[in-house]
Amino acid sequence: QVQLVESGGGLVQPGGSLRLSCAASGIIFSSNDMGWYRQAPGKQRELVAVIGGGYATIYADSVKGRFTISRDNSKNTVSLQMNSLKPEDTTVYYCSLFSHLTGFRYWGQGTQVTVSS
């Protein structure tokens, strides 16, 4: 059974930083794409950042230069370092694993990030 467990969300002031982490279990980790998505109430879930098995990365334009995604295949973890946070970054963030073997996308339970003074 595949499990993705996120941690690291919380409340931070504008301009501050947070680091989200996601631990994966139940699946071979290293060859799969890992990503972070976010979804505000009433809106579609959107891509924040993705990192492939070969460590290639893709970022949403809204977070380029502020967020950094990384992965540690030895620990089956993916992280999202978020700097210069803005109030508009406030929402629930979801960890995602895309299995190239099955074509299935797995999701974590989500973690709330709130940027407010």
C-alpha atoms as a PDB file:
ATOM      1  CA  GLN A   1       0.000   0.000   0.000  1.00  0.00           C
ATOM      2  CA  VAL A   2       1.426   3.330  -1.092  1.00  0.00           C
ATOM      3  CA  GLN A   3       1.482   6.058   1.531  1.00  0.00           C
ATOM      4  CA  LEU A   4       2.594   9.657   1.258  1.00  0.00           C
ATOM      5  CA  VAL A   5       2.861  11.547   4.528  1.00  0.00           C
ATOM      6  CA  GLU A   6       3.401  15.295   4.484  1.00  0.00           C
ATOM      7  CA  SER A   7       4.739  17.494   7.247  1.00  0.00           C
ATOM      8  CA  GLY A   8       5.985  21.022   7.745  1.00  0.00           C
ATOM      9  CA  GLY A   9       2.972  23.206   7.061  1.00  0.00           C
ATOM     10  CA  GLY A  10       1.942  26.012   9.364  1.00  0.00           C
ATOM     11  CA  LEU A  11       1.556  29.737   9.835  1.00  0.00           C
ATOM     12  CA  VAL A  12       4.232  32.147   8.677  1.00  0.00           C
ATOM     13  CA  GLN A  13       4.445  35.892   8.132  1.00  0.00           C
ATOM     14  CA  PRO A  14       4.770  37.344   4.634  1.00  0.00           C
ATOM     15  CA  GLY A  15       8.367  37.143   3.492  1.00  0.00           C
ATOM     16  CA  GLY A  16       9.018  34.162   5.716  1.00  0.00           C
ATOM     17  CA  SER A  17      10.003  30.590   4.901  1.00  0.00           C
ATOM     18  CA  LEU A  18       8.636  27.105   5.386  1.00  0.00           C
ATOM     19  CA  ARG A  19       9.891  23.689   4.405  1.00  0.00           C
ATOM     20  CA  LEU A  20       7.446  20.951   3.489  1.00  0.00           C
ATOM     21  CA  SER A  21       8.497  17.315   3.535  1.00  0.00           C
ATOM     22  CA  CYS A  22       6.855  14.173   2.209  1.00  0.00           C
ATOM     23  CA  ALA A  23       7.811  10.629   3.078  1.00  0.00           C
ATOM     24  CA  ALA A  24       6.808   7.833   0.718  1.00  0.00           C
ATOM     25  CA  SER A  25       6.394   4.159   1.513  1.00  0.00           C
ATOM     26  CA  GLY A  26       5.064   1.066  -0.196  1.00  0.00           C
ATOM     27  CA  ILE A  27       6.530   1.793  -3.619  1.00  0.00           C
ATOM     28  CA  ILE A  28       9.870   1.980  -5.377  1.00  0.00           C
ATOM     29  CA  PHE A  29      10.646   5.658  -5.002  1.00  0.00           C
ATOM     30  CA  SER A  30      13.671   6.545  -7.074  1.00  0.00           C
ATOM     31  CA  SER A  31      12.265   6.115 -10.588  1.00  0.00           C
ATOM     32  CA  ASN A  32       9.008   7.967 -10.045  1.00  0.00           C
ATOM     33  CA  ASP A  33       8.140  11.630 -10.470  1.00  0.00           C
ATOM     34  CA  MET A  34       7.482  13.485  -7.242  1.00  0.00           C
ATOM     35  CA  GLY A  35       5.605  16.722  -7.025  1.00  0.00           C
ATOM     36  CA  TRP A  36       3.884  19.312  -4.907  1.00  0.00           C
ATOM     37  CA  TYR A  37       0.491  20.674  -5.824  1.00  0.00           C
ATOM     38  CA  ARG A  38      -1.817  23.102  -4.096  1.00  0.00           C
ATOM     39  CA  GLN A  39      -5.528  23.694  -4.088  1.00  0.00           C
ATOM     40  CA  ALA A  40      -7.438  26.679  -2.825  1.00  0.00           C
ATOM     41  CA  PRO A  41     -11.149  26.374  -1.935  1.00  0.00           C
ATOM     42  CA  GLY A  42     -13.294  26.410  -5.066  1.00  0.00           C
ATOM     43  CA  LYS A  43     -10.306  26.188  -7.371  1.00  0.00           C
ATOM     44  CA  GLN A  44      -8.613  23.419  -9.314  1.00  0.00           C
ATOM     45  CA  ARG A  45      -5.548  21.726  -7.922  1.00  0.00           C
ATOM     46  CA  GLU A  46      -2.482  23.284  -9.511  1.00  0.00           C
ATOM     47  CA  LEU A  47       1.092  22.218  -9.993  1.00  0.00           C
ATOM     48  CA  VAL A  48       3.637  23.916  -7.774  1.00  0.00           C
ATOM     49  CA  ALA A  49       6.799  21.940  -8.560  1.00  0.00           C
ATOM     50  CA  VAL A  50       7.825  18.543  -9.893  1.00  0.00           C
ATOM     51  CA  ILE A  51      11.092  16.630  -9.734  1.00  0.00           C
ATOM     52  CA  GLY A  52      11.719  13.602 -11.901  1.00  0.00           C
ATOM     53  CA  GLY A  53      13.702  10.495 -11.188  1.00  0.00           C
ATOM     54  CA  GLY A  54      16.590  12.087 -13.059  1.00  0.00           C
ATOM     55  CA  TYR A  55      16.276  15.210 -10.869  1.00  0.00           C
ATOM     56  CA  ALA A  56      14.907  17.435 -13.623  1.00  0.00           C
ATOM     57  CA  THR A  57      12.579  20.054 -12.153  1.00  0.00           C
ATOM     58  CA  ILE A  58       9.567  22.064 -13.277  1.00  0.00           C
ATOM     59  CA  TYR A  59       8.103  25.012 -11.395  1.00  0.00           C
ATOM     60  CA  ALA A  60       4.942  27.043 -11.711  1.00  0.00           C
ATOM     61  CA  ASP A  61       5.706  30.571 -12.851  1.00  0.00           C
ATOM     62  CA  SER A  62       4.219  31.935  -9.647  1.00  0.00           C
ATOM     63  CA  VAL A  63       6.845  30.227  -7.474  1.00  0.00           C
ATOM     64  CA  LYS A  64       9.968  30.346  -9.652  1.00  0.00           C
ATOM     65  CA  GLY A  65      12.895  31.825  -7.784  1.00  0.00           C
ATOM     66  CA  ARG A  66      11.147  31.423  -4.429  1.00  0.00           C
ATOM     67  CA  PHE A  67      10.499  27.685  -4.059  1.00  0.00           C
ATOM     68  CA  THR A  68      12.947  24.799  -4.449  1.00  0.00           C
ATOM     69  CA  ILE A  69      11.989  21.145  -4.756  1.00  0.00           C
ATOM     70  CA  SER A  70      14.442  18.396  -3.858  1.00  0.00           C
ATOM     71  CA  ARG A  71      14.423  14.675  -3.273  1.00  0.00           C
ATOM     72  CA  ASP A  72      16.443  12.190  -1.245  1.00  0.00           C
ATOM     73  CA  ASN A  73      16.094   8.748  -2.766  1.00  0.00           C
ATOM     74  CA  SER A  74      17.980   7.139   0.109  1.00  0.00           C
ATOM     75  CA  LYS A  75      15.229   8.306   2.493  1.00  0.00           C
ATOM     76  CA  ASN A  76      12.271   8.170   0.071  1.00  0.00           C
ATOM     77  CA  THR A  77      11.517  11.818   0.744  1.00  0.00           C
ATOM     78  CA  VAL A  78      10.751  14.898  -1.288  1.00  0.00           C
ATOM     79  CA  SER A  79      10.889  18.411   0.101  1.00  0.00           C
ATOM     80  CA  LEU A  80       9.717  21.856  -0.895  1.00  0.00           C
ATOM     81  CA  GLN A  81      11.667  24.811   0.452  1.00  0.00           C
ATOM     82  CA  MET A  82       9.433  27.866   0.283  1.00  0.00           C
ATOM     83  CA  ASN A  83      11.025  31.298   0.687  1.00  0.00           C
ATOM     84  CA  SER A  84       9.672  34.821   0.343  1.00  0.00           C
ATOM     85  CA  LEU A  85       6.189  33.552   1.039  1.00  0.00           C
ATOM     86  CA  LYS A  86       3.230  35.678   0.027  1.00  0.00           C
ATOM     87  CA  PRO A  87      -0.361  35.724   1.311  1.00  0.00           C
ATOM     88  CA  GLU A  88      -1.459  34.296  -2.035  1.00  0.00           C
ATOM     89  CA  ASP A  89       0.583  31.157  -1.277  1.00  0.00           C
ATOM     90  CA  THR A  90      -1.935  30.363   1.453  1.00  0.00           C
ATOM     91  CA  THR A  91      -3.701  27.082   0.757  1.00  0.00           C
ATOM     92  CA  VAL A  92      -3.431  23.309   1.220  1.00  0.00           C
ATOM     93  CA  TYR A  93      -0.348  21.697  -0.310  1.00  0.00           C
ATOM     94  CA  TYR A  94      -0.365  18.091  -1.507  1.00  0.00           C
ATOM     95  CA  CYS A  95       2.507  15.724  -2.123  1.00  0.00           C
ATOM     96  CA  SER A  96       2.153  13.578  -5.236  1.00  0.00           C
ATOM     97  CA  LEU A  97       3.903  10.535  -6.664  1.00  0.00           C
ATOM     98  CA  PHE A  98       3.385   9.528 -10.299  1.00  0.00           C
ATOM     99  CA  SER A  99       4.197   5.912 -11.045  1.00  0.00           C
ATOM    100  CA  HIS A 100       5.564   5.415 -14.558  1.00  0.00           C
ATOM    101  CA  LEU A 101       4.983   1.672 -14.131  1.00  0.00           C
ATOM    102  CA  THR A 102       1.237   1.875 -13.509  1.00  0.00           C
ATOM    103  CA  GLY A 103       0.359   5.343 -14.800  1.00  0.00           C
ATOM    104  CA  PHE A 104      -1.299   6.044 -11.465  1.00  0.00           C
ATOM    105  CA  ARG A 105      -0.880   9.182  -9.370  1.00  0.00           C
ATOM    106  CA  TYR A 106      -0.854   8.932  -5.602  1.00  0.00           C
ATOM    107  CA  TRP A 107      -1.643  11.773  -3.194  1.00  0.00           C
ATOM    108  CA  GLY A 108      -0.830  12.680   0.353  1.00  0.00           C
ATOM    109  CA  GLN A 109      -3.420  13.961   2.784  1.00  0.00           C
ATOM    110  CA  GLY A 110      -2.407  17.600   2.395  1.00  0.00           C
ATOM    111  CA  THR A 111      -0.837  20.133   4.710  1.00  0.00           C
ATOM    112  CA  GLN A 112      -2.064  23.670   5.345  1.00  0.00           C
ATOM    113  CA  VAL A 113       0.205  26.625   4.663  1.00  0.00           C
ATOM    114  CA  THR A 114      -0.993  30.017   5.883  1.00  0.00           C
ATOM    115  CA  VAL A 115       0.888  33.215   5.121  1.00  0.00           C
ATOM    116  CA  SER A 116      -0.448  36.056   7.195  1.00  0.00           C
ATOM    117  CA  SER A 117       0.688  38.862   9.442  1.00  0.00           C
END
